[in-house]
Protein backbone atom coordinates (compact mmCIF):
# COMPACT_ATOMS: atom_id res chain seq x y z
CA MET A 1 -20.93 -22.45 2.42
CA ILE A 2 -22.83 -20.03 4.72
CA GLU A 3 -26.75 -20.56 5.41
CA GLU A 4 -29.50 -18.53 5.34
CA ASN A 5 -29.46 -18.66 9.31
CA ASP A 6 -26.06 -17.87 9.40
CA LYS A 7 -26.39 -14.10 7.87
CA ILE A 8 -26.09 -10.90 10.07
CA ARG A 9 -28.99 -9.31 10.46
CA LEU A 10 -28.94 -5.11 10.64
CA ASN A 11 -30.83 -3.88 13.49
CA VAL A 12 -33.29 -0.72 12.75
CA ALA A 13 -30.66 1.82 13.33
CA GLU A 14 -28.63 -0.12 10.62
CA ILE A 15 -31.14 0.39 8.31
CA GLN A 16 -32.69 3.48 8.59
CA SER A 17 -28.63 4.63 8.08
CA ARG A 18 -27.55 2.20 5.52
CA PHE A 19 -24.45 2.17 7.81
CA ASP A 20 -23.72 -1.33 9.08
CA ARG A 21 -21.44 -2.58 11.88
CA VAL A 22 -18.54 -3.51 9.18
CA GLN A 23 -18.57 0.46 7.95
CA PHE A 24 -18.78 1.53 11.47
CA ALA A 25 -15.59 -0.90 12.71
CA GLU A 26 -14.07 0.63 9.45
CA ARG A 27 -14.41 4.10 10.23
CA LEU A 28 -12.97 3.56 13.62
CA ILE A 29 -9.92 1.13 12.51
CA GLN A 30 -8.85 3.90 9.51
CA GLN A 31 -8.70 6.42 12.66
CA LEU A 32 -5.21 4.35 13.63
CA PRO A 33 -2.19 4.90 11.98
CA ALA A 34 -1.46 3.76 8.22
CA SER A 35 1.56 2.15 9.64
CA HIS A 36 0.01 0.35 12.37
CA GLU A 37 -0.42 -3.52 11.96
CA GLY A 38 -3.38 -4.22 13.35
CA ARG A 39 -5.04 -1.75 10.97
CA ASN A 40 -3.81 -2.91 8.39
CA THR A 41 -4.90 -6.43 8.90
CA TRP A 42 -8.38 -6.03 10.01
CA LEU A 43 -8.62 -3.78 6.86
CA MET A 44 -6.93 -6.74 4.65
CA ASN A 45 -9.17 -9.41 5.91
CA TYR A 46 -12.26 -7.80 6.41
CA GLY A 47 -12.29 -3.89 4.90
CA ILE A 48 -14.77 -2.69 2.23
CA CYS A 49 -13.36 0.61 1.84
CA GLN A 50 -11.16 1.33 -1.18
CA ASN A 51 -8.03 1.44 0.85
CA ALA A 52 -8.96 -2.11 2.01
CA HIS A 53 -8.92 -2.99 -1.77
CA GLN A 54 -6.37 -1.62 -2.43
CA LEU A 55 -4.28 -3.27 0.44
CA ARG A 56 -5.58 -6.51 -0.71
CA GLN A 57 -4.24 -5.86 -4.18
CA MET A 58 -1.08 -4.86 -3.26
CA MET A 59 -0.63 -8.36 -0.94
CA GLY A 60 -2.19 -10.48 -3.81
CA ILE A 61 -5.18 -11.17 -1.54
CA GLU A 62 -8.37 -12.48 -3.17
CA TRP A 63 -11.88 -11.30 -1.53
CA ASP A 64 -14.41 -14.26 -0.62
CA GLU A 65 -18.02 -12.75 -1.05
CA ALA A 66 -19.27 -16.11 0.53
CA THR A 67 -17.87 -14.87 3.61
CA GLN A 68 -17.09 -11.32 2.64
CA SER A 69 -13.81 -11.21 3.93
CA ALA A 70 -9.85 -12.10 2.43
CA LYS A 71 -9.46 -15.69 0.94
CA THR A 72 -6.34 -17.25 2.90
CA ILE A 73 -3.06 -17.63 1.45
CA PRO A 74 -1.04 -21.04 2.06
CA ASP A 75 2.17 -19.38 2.00
CA SER A 76 2.34 -17.27 5.05
CA LYS A 77 5.96 -16.26 5.13
CA SER A 78 5.72 -14.76 1.74
CA LEU A 79 2.87 -12.64 2.85
CA ASP A 80 4.47 -11.48 5.84
CA ALA A 81 7.60 -10.75 4.46
CA SER A 82 5.69 -8.47 1.54
CA PHE A 83 3.72 -6.71 4.15
CA VAL A 84 6.51 -5.90 6.42
CA GLU A 85 7.63 -4.47 3.09
CA PHE A 86 4.44 -2.83 2.62
CA LEU A 87 4.10 -1.60 5.81
CA ASP A 88 8.07 -0.37 5.41
CA LYS A 89 7.16 1.68 2.52
CA VAL A 90 3.91 3.18 4.34
CA SER A 91 5.89 4.31 7.28
CA SER A 92 8.93 6.16 5.24
CA ILE A 93 5.53 8.20 3.54
CA VAL A 94 3.86 9.02 6.80
CA GLU A 95 7.74 9.91 8.10
CA GLN A 96 7.73 12.54 4.99
CA TRP A 97 4.69 13.75 4.70
CA PRO A 98 5.17 16.54 7.02
CA LYS A 99 8.56 18.04 5.34
CA TRP A 100 6.35 17.09 1.95
CA LYS A 101 3.30 19.62 3.47
CA GLN A 102 5.82 22.31 4.43
CA GLN A 103 7.43 22.23 0.81
CA ILE A 104 4.00 22.39 -0.75
CA LEU A 105 3.00 25.58 1.42
CA ASP A 106 6.28 26.84 0.89
CA ARG A 107 5.27 27.17 -3.07
CA GLN A 108 2.40 28.69 -2.81
CA LYS A 109 3.61 31.99 -0.46
């Protein structure tokens, strides 16, 4: 359980900008390719953006409000297999995007 002293205290810049460390880290991490394993793992475990919520939902992972992180899952083998399958799908979409984009642009001519 989190004690009062365990909470992260925001500095003046974070309070003023309403942009905390997690949001800052998340924006940096989102610049990595969607197929990057570290990117998706961090987002799934700690992210608060819509993409992170979607990753957790697709993987069947619950959010722990007390720790502000993903709840652990006992069956890591099924999680690993599901995550690899998910990454394969994302990679396929990323690879197809230039072709799809060109088709859209061609239709607009």
